[in-house]
Amino acid sequence: MSAAIRNIVFDMGGVLIHFVPDHFISRLGITDEADRKLLFRQVFRSVEWSGMDWGMLTDAEAAESICRRMPERLHQAVRSLVLKWDEQPMEPMEGMYELIEELKENGYRIYLLSNASSRHPDYWPKIPASRLFDGVLVSYSVKTVKPQQEIYAILCERFGLRPEECFFIDDLPVNAAGARKYGMSSMVFHEDMEELRNRLREAGVKIK
């Protein structure tokens, strides 16, 4: 008989909040399609972006490194995308706060496991659901990232969790697969709250 789920573990971007690079670029008033594509590739798909998540670079170091290979006209845009993407109001995922609140009321413990940079403590409190979390583990602070098995192990060790009692939710299949390999139940979130609720109920989680 499988263990009962007691802990729900959430990713952040794409799960708790919308994280859409194209929207961030649009907020800067960048309309030239070639510049938009360049910014997307060189910022959000860069070695530096991953380096921030790994805790190898500060955000400021990453921004300056990216600027060195970008045309000068885009330097301010790069710095804004790396250092100030959260200054505009973040968009919570519709219905997620209510789900987490219900889970808490029903006795489940709630955790965050996110690949994110050292600026995470600056913007995490701006996310309404953050106040409901029992524990937070962010990649930069432990120098490893999802889907590395080590980060799931650190989460469980730090908060005294048993993997078989955890249900993990991430928007990337590779991260959900990493959690499952470690022994957690998991699913890929497709911004579909009805699907999420159904999958939780199928796992034995008590929610409406």
C-alpha atoms as a PDB file:
ATOM      1  CA  MET A   1       0.000   0.000   0.000  1.00  0.00           C
ATOM      2  CA  SER A   2       1.437   3.412  -1.010  1.00  0.00           C
ATOM      3  CA  ALA A   3       2.166   6.050   1.626  1.00  0.00           C
ATOM      4  CA  ALA A   4      -0.331   8.855   2.153  1.00  0.00           C
ATOM      5  CA  ILE A   5       0.591  12.227   0.696  1.00  0.00           C
ATOM      6  CA  ARG A   6       1.306  14.723   3.467  1.00  0.00           C
ATOM      7  CA  ASN A   7       3.386  17.369   1.670  1.00  0.00           C
ATOM      8  CA  ILE A   8       2.710  19.328  -1.523  1.00  0.00           C
ATOM      9  CA  VAL A   9       5.820  20.773  -3.183  1.00  0.00           C
ATOM     10  CA  PHE A  10       5.444  23.586  -5.706  1.00  0.00           C
ATOM     11  CA  ASP A  11       7.676  25.098  -8.350  1.00  0.00           C
ATOM     12  CA  MET A  12       7.415  28.885  -8.661  1.00  0.00           C
ATOM     13  CA  GLY A  13       7.545  30.243 -12.237  1.00  0.00           C
ATOM     14  CA  GLY A  14       4.834  28.713 -14.400  1.00  0.00           C
ATOM     15  CA  VAL A  15       3.075  27.287 -11.329  1.00  0.00           C
ATOM     16  CA  LEU A  16       2.610  29.913  -8.603  1.00  0.00           C
ATOM     17  CA  ILE A  17       3.075  32.825 -10.997  1.00  0.00           C
ATOM     18  CA  HIS A  18       3.041  33.352 -14.735  1.00  0.00           C
ATOM     19  CA  PHE A  19       6.606  33.647 -16.005  1.00  0.00           C
ATOM     20  CA  VAL A  20       6.445  34.647 -19.667  1.00  0.00           C
ATOM     21  CA  PRO A  21       9.656  36.230 -21.006  1.00  0.00           C
ATOM     22  CA  ASP A  22       7.843  37.655 -24.025  1.00  0.00           C
ATOM     23  CA  HIS A  23       5.622  39.683 -21.689  1.00  0.00           C
ATOM     24  CA  PHE A  24       8.655  41.078 -19.862  1.00  0.00           C
ATOM     25  CA  ILE A  25      10.204  42.132 -23.169  1.00  0.00           C
ATOM     26  CA  SER A  26       6.938  43.774 -24.254  1.00  0.00           C
ATOM     27  CA  ARG A  27       6.802  45.811 -21.031  1.00  0.00           C
ATOM     28  CA  LEU A  28      10.077  47.441 -22.066  1.00  0.00           C
ATOM     29  CA  GLY A  29       8.508  48.695 -25.275  1.00  0.00           C
ATOM     30  CA  ILE A  30      10.764  46.551 -27.501  1.00  0.00           C
ATOM     31  CA  THR A  31       8.837  46.134 -30.758  1.00  0.00           C
ATOM     32  CA  ASP A  32      11.546  45.214 -33.268  1.00  0.00           C
ATOM     33  CA  GLU A  33      11.126  41.471 -33.832  1.00  0.00           C
ATOM     34  CA  ALA A  34      14.838  40.826 -34.346  1.00  0.00           C
ATOM     35  CA  ASP A  35      15.679  42.582 -31.064  1.00  0.00           C
ATOM     36  CA  ARG A  36      12.953  40.671 -29.235  1.00  0.00           C
ATOM     37  CA  LYS A  37      14.317  37.341 -30.448  1.00  0.00           C
ATOM     38  CA  LEU A  38      17.865  38.374 -29.582  1.00  0.00           C
ATOM     39  CA  LEU A  39      16.889  39.362 -26.048  1.00  0.00           C
ATOM     40  CA  PHE A  40      14.948  36.154 -25.513  1.00  0.00           C
ATOM     41  CA  ARG A  41      17.858  33.974 -26.640  1.00  0.00           C
ATOM     42  CA  GLN A  42      20.680  35.900 -25.020  1.00  0.00           C
ATOM     43  CA  VAL A  43      18.949  36.533 -21.686  1.00  0.00           C
ATOM     44  CA  PHE A  44      16.453  33.795 -20.898  1.00  0.00           C
ATOM     45  CA  ARG A  45      18.256  30.996 -22.757  1.00  0.00           C
ATOM     46  CA  SER A  46      21.758  31.972 -21.717  1.00  0.00           C
ATOM     47  CA  VAL A  47      24.503  30.241 -19.771  1.00  0.00           C
ATOM     48  CA  GLU A  48      24.367  33.214 -17.417  1.00  0.00           C
ATOM     49  CA  TRP A  49      20.689  32.644 -16.609  1.00  0.00           C
ATOM     50  CA  SER A  50      21.493  29.062 -15.660  1.00  0.00           C
ATOM     51  CA  GLY A  51      24.552  30.289 -13.778  1.00  0.00           C
ATOM     52  CA  MET A  52      22.337  32.477 -11.592  1.00  0.00           C
ATOM     53  CA  ASP A  53      20.152  29.480 -10.758  1.00  0.00           C
ATOM     54  CA  TRP A  54      23.236  27.434  -9.891  1.00  0.00           C
ATOM     55  CA  GLY A  55      24.480  30.202  -7.595  1.00  0.00           C
ATOM     56  CA  MET A  56      27.605  30.652  -9.746  1.00  0.00           C
ATOM     57  CA  LEU A  57      26.844  34.285 -10.695  1.00  0.00           C
ATOM     58  CA  THR A  58      25.066  37.158  -9.035  1.00  0.00           C
ATOM     59  CA  ASP A  59      22.326  38.750 -11.097  1.00  0.00           C
ATOM     60  CA  ALA A  60      24.475  41.852 -11.632  1.00  0.00           C
ATOM     61  CA  GLU A  61      27.406  39.745 -12.840  1.00  0.00           C
ATOM     62  CA  ALA A  62      25.125  37.862 -15.224  1.00  0.00           C
ATOM     63  CA  ALA A  63      23.657  41.063 -16.660  1.00  0.00           C
ATOM     64  CA  GLU A  64      27.081  42.561 -17.345  1.00  0.00           C
ATOM     65  CA  SER A  65      28.314  39.345 -18.922  1.00  0.00           C
ATOM     66  CA  ILE A  66      25.321  39.262 -21.289  1.00  0.00           C
ATOM     67  CA  CYS A  67      25.779  42.944 -22.153  1.00  0.00           C
ATOM     68  CA  ARG A  68      29.311  42.276 -23.373  1.00  0.00           C
ATOM     69  CA  ARG A  69      27.971  40.350 -26.367  1.00  0.00           C
ATOM     70  CA  MET A  70      24.919  42.522 -27.031  1.00  0.00           C
ATOM     71  CA  PRO A  71      24.589  45.772 -29.019  1.00  0.00           C
ATOM     72  CA  GLU A  72      24.795  48.803 -26.768  1.00  0.00           C
ATOM     73  CA  ARG A  73      21.244  49.883 -27.620  1.00  0.00           C
ATOM     74  CA  LEU A  74      19.982  46.783 -25.768  1.00  0.00           C
ATOM     75  CA  HIS A  75      22.152  47.015 -22.651  1.00  0.00           C
ATOM     76  CA  GLN A  76      19.483  48.746 -20.570  1.00  0.00           C
ATOM     77  CA  ALA A  77      16.915  46.197 -21.696  1.00  0.00           C
ATOM     78  CA  VAL A  78      19.222  43.362 -20.634  1.00  0.00           C
ATOM     79  CA  ARG A  79      19.736  44.908 -17.189  1.00  0.00           C
ATOM     80  CA  SER A  80      16.006  45.429 -16.774  1.00  0.00           C
ATOM     81  CA  LEU A  81      15.188  41.845 -17.767  1.00  0.00           C
ATOM     82  CA  VAL A  82      17.762  40.376 -15.400  1.00  0.00           C
ATOM     83  CA  LEU A  83      17.581  42.783 -12.468  1.00  0.00           C
ATOM     84  CA  LYS A  84      14.076  44.243 -12.578  1.00  0.00           C
ATOM     85  CA  TRP A  85      11.739  41.706 -14.209  1.00  0.00           C
ATOM     86  CA  ASP A  86       9.745  41.539 -10.968  1.00  0.00           C
ATOM     87  CA  GLU A  87       9.265  45.313 -10.560  1.00  0.00           C
ATOM     88  CA  GLN A  88       6.085  45.200 -12.587  1.00  0.00           C
ATOM     89  CA  PRO A  89       3.266  43.440 -10.710  1.00  0.00           C
ATOM     90  CA  MET A  90       3.751  39.693 -10.903  1.00  0.00           C
ATOM     91  CA  GLU A  91       0.786  37.712 -12.169  1.00  0.00           C
ATOM     92  CA  PRO A  92      -0.300  34.968  -9.748  1.00  0.00           C
ATOM     93  CA  MET A  93      -1.597  31.784 -11.342  1.00  0.00           C
ATOM     94  CA  GLU A  94      -5.374  31.986 -11.277  1.00  0.00           C
ATOM     95  CA  GLY A  95      -6.874  29.771  -8.569  1.00  0.00           C
ATOM     96  CA  MET A  96      -3.538  28.680  -7.084  1.00  0.00           C
ATOM     97  CA  TYR A  97      -3.763  30.745  -3.898  1.00  0.00           C
ATOM     98  CA  GLU A  98      -7.200  29.298  -3.163  1.00  0.00           C
ATOM     99  CA  LEU A  99      -5.935  25.748  -3.731  1.00  0.00           C
ATOM    100  CA  ILE A 100      -2.956  26.222  -1.419  1.00  0.00           C
ATOM    101  CA  GLU A 101      -5.158  27.797   1.230  1.00  0.00           C
ATOM    102  CA  GLU A 102      -7.491  24.782   1.041  1.00  0.00           C
ATOM    103  CA  LEU A 103      -4.558  22.364   1.289  1.00  0.00           C
ATOM    104  CA  LYS A 104      -3.300  24.174   4.383  1.00  0.00           C
ATOM    105  CA  GLU A 105      -6.739  24.089   5.982  1.00  0.00           C
ATOM    106  CA  ASN A 106      -6.838  20.336   5.363  1.00  0.00           C
ATOM    107  CA  GLY A 107      -3.536  19.804   7.184  1.00  0.00           C
ATOM    108  CA  TYR A 108      -1.064  19.477   4.327  1.00  0.00           C
ATOM    109  CA  ARG A 109       2.354  21.070   4.553  1.00  0.00           C
ATOM    110  CA  ILE A 110       3.384  23.275   1.642  1.00  0.00           C
ATOM    111  CA  TYR A 111       6.910  23.701   0.261  1.00  0.00           C
ATOM    112  CA  LEU A 112       8.644  25.574  -2.540  1.00  0.00           C
ATOM    113  CA  LEU A 113      11.376  23.985  -4.647  1.00  0.00           C
ATOM    114  CA  SER A 114      12.505  26.435  -7.313  1.00  0.00           C
ATOM    115  CA  ASN A 115      15.405  27.048  -9.640  1.00  0.00           C
ATOM    116  CA  ALA A 116      16.033  30.737  -8.990  1.00  0.00           C
ATOM    117  CA  SER A 117      18.777  33.266  -8.357  1.00  0.00           C
ATOM    118  CA  SER A 118      20.037  35.086  -5.277  1.00  0.00           C
ATOM    119  CA  ARG A 119      17.432  37.827  -5.772  1.00  0.00           C
ATOM    120  CA  HIS A 120      14.674  35.372  -4.853  1.00  0.00           C
ATOM    121  CA  PRO A 121      14.325  36.684  -1.267  1.00  0.00           C
ATOM    122  CA  ASP A 122      13.646  40.167  -2.686  1.00  0.00           C
ATOM    123  CA  TYR A 123      10.571  39.193  -4.694  1.00  0.00           C
ATOM    124  CA  TRP A 124       9.275  36.058  -2.967  1.00  0.00           C
ATOM    125  CA  PRO A 125       7.239  38.070  -0.404  1.00  0.00           C
ATOM    126  CA  LYS A 126       5.453  39.837  -3.286  1.00  0.00           C
ATOM    127  CA  ILE A 127       3.801  36.547  -4.281  1.00  0.00           C
ATOM    128  CA  PRO A 128       0.551  36.350  -2.275  1.00  0.00           C
ATOM    129  CA  ALA A 129       0.758  32.601  -1.645  1.00  0.00           C
ATOM    130  CA  SER A 130       4.256  32.886  -0.150  1.00  0.00           C
ATOM    131  CA  ARG A 131       2.859  33.491   3.324  1.00  0.00           C
ATOM    132  CA  LEU A 132       1.255  30.039   3.280  1.00  0.00           C
ATOM    133  CA  PHE A 133       4.476  28.071   2.770  1.00  0.00           C
ATOM    134  CA  ASP A 134       6.055  25.937   5.480  1.00  0.00           C
ATOM    135  CA  GLY A 135       9.478  25.830   3.839  1.00  0.00           C
ATOM    136  CA  VAL A 136      11.421  27.184   0.889  1.00  0.00           C
ATOM    137  CA  LEU A 137      14.412  25.741  -0.961  1.00  0.00           C
ATOM    138  CA  VAL A 138      15.888  27.714  -3.861  1.00  0.00           C
ATOM    139  CA  SER A 139      18.623  26.381  -6.119  1.00  0.00           C
ATOM    140  CA  TYR A 140      21.142  29.234  -5.840  1.00  0.00           C
ATOM    141  CA  SER A 141      21.463  28.673  -2.079  1.00  0.00           C
ATOM    142  CA  VAL A 142      22.511  25.017  -2.413  1.00  0.00           C
ATOM    143  CA  LYS A 143      24.493  25.252  -5.690  1.00  0.00           C
ATOM    144  CA  THR A 144      22.431  22.626  -7.472  1.00  0.00           C
ATOM    145  CA  VAL A 145      19.282  22.714  -9.601  1.00  0.00           C
ATOM    146  CA  LYS A 146      16.313  20.631 -10.617  1.00  0.00           C
ATOM    147  CA  PRO A 147      16.318  17.968 -12.005  1.00  0.00           C
ATOM    148  CA  GLN A 148      19.560  16.989 -10.220  1.00  0.00           C
ATOM    149  CA  GLN A 149      18.727  14.316  -7.642  1.00  0.00           C
ATOM    150  CA  GLU A 150      20.734  16.161  -5.004  1.00  0.00           C
ATOM    151  CA  ILE A 151      18.265  19.054  -4.759  1.00  0.00           C
ATOM    152  CA  TYR A 152      15.304  16.773  -4.000  1.00  0.00           C
ATOM    153  CA  ALA A 153      17.432  15.031  -1.367  1.00  0.00           C
ATOM    154  CA  ILE A 154      18.375  18.358   0.235  1.00  0.00           C
ATOM    155  CA  LEU A 155      14.688  19.374   0.333  1.00  0.00           C
ATOM    156  CA  CYS A 156      13.721  16.182   2.145  1.00  0.00           C
ATOM    157  CA  GLU A 157      16.659  16.278   4.539  1.00  0.00           C
ATOM    158  CA  ARG A 158      16.220  19.948   5.414  1.00  0.00           C
ATOM    159  CA  PHE A 159      12.506  19.689   6.210  1.00  0.00           C
ATOM    160  CA  GLY A 160      12.333  16.105   7.410  1.00  0.00           C
ATOM    161  CA  LEU A 161      10.222  14.863   4.516  1.00  0.00           C
ATOM    162  CA  ARG A 162       9.761  11.344   3.198  1.00  0.00           C
ATOM    163  CA  PRO A 163       9.761  11.354  -0.627  1.00  0.00           C
ATOM    164  CA  GLU A 164       6.874   8.919  -0.823  1.00  0.00           C
ATOM    165  CA  GLU A 165       4.739  11.376   1.177  1.00  0.00           C
ATOM    166  CA  CYS A 166       5.414  14.256  -1.249  1.00  0.00           C
ATOM    167  CA  PHE A 167       3.515  15.372  -4.345  1.00  0.00           C
ATOM    168  CA  PHE A 168       5.594  17.639  -6.583  1.00  0.00           C
ATOM    169  CA  ILE A 169       4.196  20.111  -9.144  1.00  0.00           C
ATOM    170  CA  ASP A 170       6.379  21.690 -11.850  1.00  0.00           C
ATOM    171  CA  ASP A 171       5.737  23.134 -15.308  1.00  0.00           C
ATOM    172  CA  LEU A 172       8.746  21.355 -16.839  1.00  0.00           C
ATOM    173  CA  PRO A 173       8.556  17.603 -17.546  1.00  0.00           C
ATOM    174  CA  VAL A 174      12.249  17.068 -16.804  1.00  0.00           C
ATOM    175  CA  ASN A 175      11.864  18.483 -13.283  1.00  0.00           C
ATOM    176  CA  ALA A 176       8.732  16.452 -12.560  1.00  0.00           C
ATOM    177  CA  ALA A 177      10.561  13.364 -13.831  1.00  0.00           C
ATOM    178  CA  GLY A 178      13.505  14.137 -11.546  1.00  0.00           C
ATOM    179  CA  ALA A 179      11.191  14.257  -8.544  1.00  0.00           C
ATOM    180  CA  ARG A 180       9.568  10.984  -9.552  1.00  0.00           C
ATOM    181  CA  LYS A 181      12.984   9.337  -9.922  1.00  0.00           C
ATOM    182  CA  TYR A 182      13.728  10.415  -6.357  1.00  0.00           C
ATOM    183  CA  GLY A 183      10.549   8.730  -5.141  1.00  0.00           C
ATOM    184  CA  MET A 184       7.980  11.526  -5.091  1.00  0.00           C
ATOM    185  CA  SER A 185       4.642  11.579  -6.823  1.00  0.00           C
ATOM    186  CA  SER A 186       4.695  14.340  -9.410  1.00  0.00           C
ATOM    187  CA  MET A 187       2.898  15.980 -12.304  1.00  0.00           C
ATOM    188  CA  VAL A 188       3.516  18.531 -15.030  1.00  0.00           C
ATOM    189  CA  PHE A 189       1.343  21.615 -14.571  1.00  0.00           C
ATOM    190  CA  HIS A 190      -0.198  22.982 -17.781  1.00  0.00           C
ATOM    191  CA  GLU A 191      -1.887  26.043 -16.238  1.00  0.00           C
ATOM    192  CA  ASP A 192      -5.032  23.926 -15.873  1.00  0.00           C
ATOM    193  CA  MET A 193      -6.352  24.083 -12.316  1.00  0.00           C
ATOM    194  CA  GLU A 194      -9.042  21.473 -12.916  1.00  0.00           C
ATOM    195  CA  GLU A 195      -6.403  19.000 -14.089  1.00  0.00           C
ATOM    196  CA  LEU A 196      -4.238  19.803 -11.061  1.00  0.00           C
ATOM    197  CA  ARG A 197      -7.090  19.257  -8.639  1.00  0.00           C
ATOM    198  CA  ASN A 198      -7.995  15.989 -10.355  1.00  0.00           C
ATOM    199  CA  ARG A 199      -4.430  14.707 -10.168  1.00  0.00           C
ATOM    200  CA  LEU A 200      -4.177  15.609  -6.497  1.00  0.00           C
ATOM    201  CA  ARG A 201      -7.435  13.821  -5.738  1.00  0.00           C
ATOM    202  CA  GLU A 202      -6.219  10.768  -7.661  1.00  0.00           C
ATOM    203  CA  ALA A 203      -3.150  10.772  -5.407  1.00  0.00           C
ATOM    204  CA  GLY A 204      -5.423  10.686  -2.352  1.00  0.00           C
ATOM    205  CA  VAL A 205      -5.119  14.346  -1.423  1.00  0.00           C
ATOM    206  CA  LYS A 206      -8.235  15.662   0.307  1.00  0.00           C
ATOM    207  CA  ILE A 207      -9.535  18.694  -1.584  1.00  0.00           C
ATOM    208  CA  LYS A 208     -12.832  19.713  -3.153  1.00  0.00           C
END
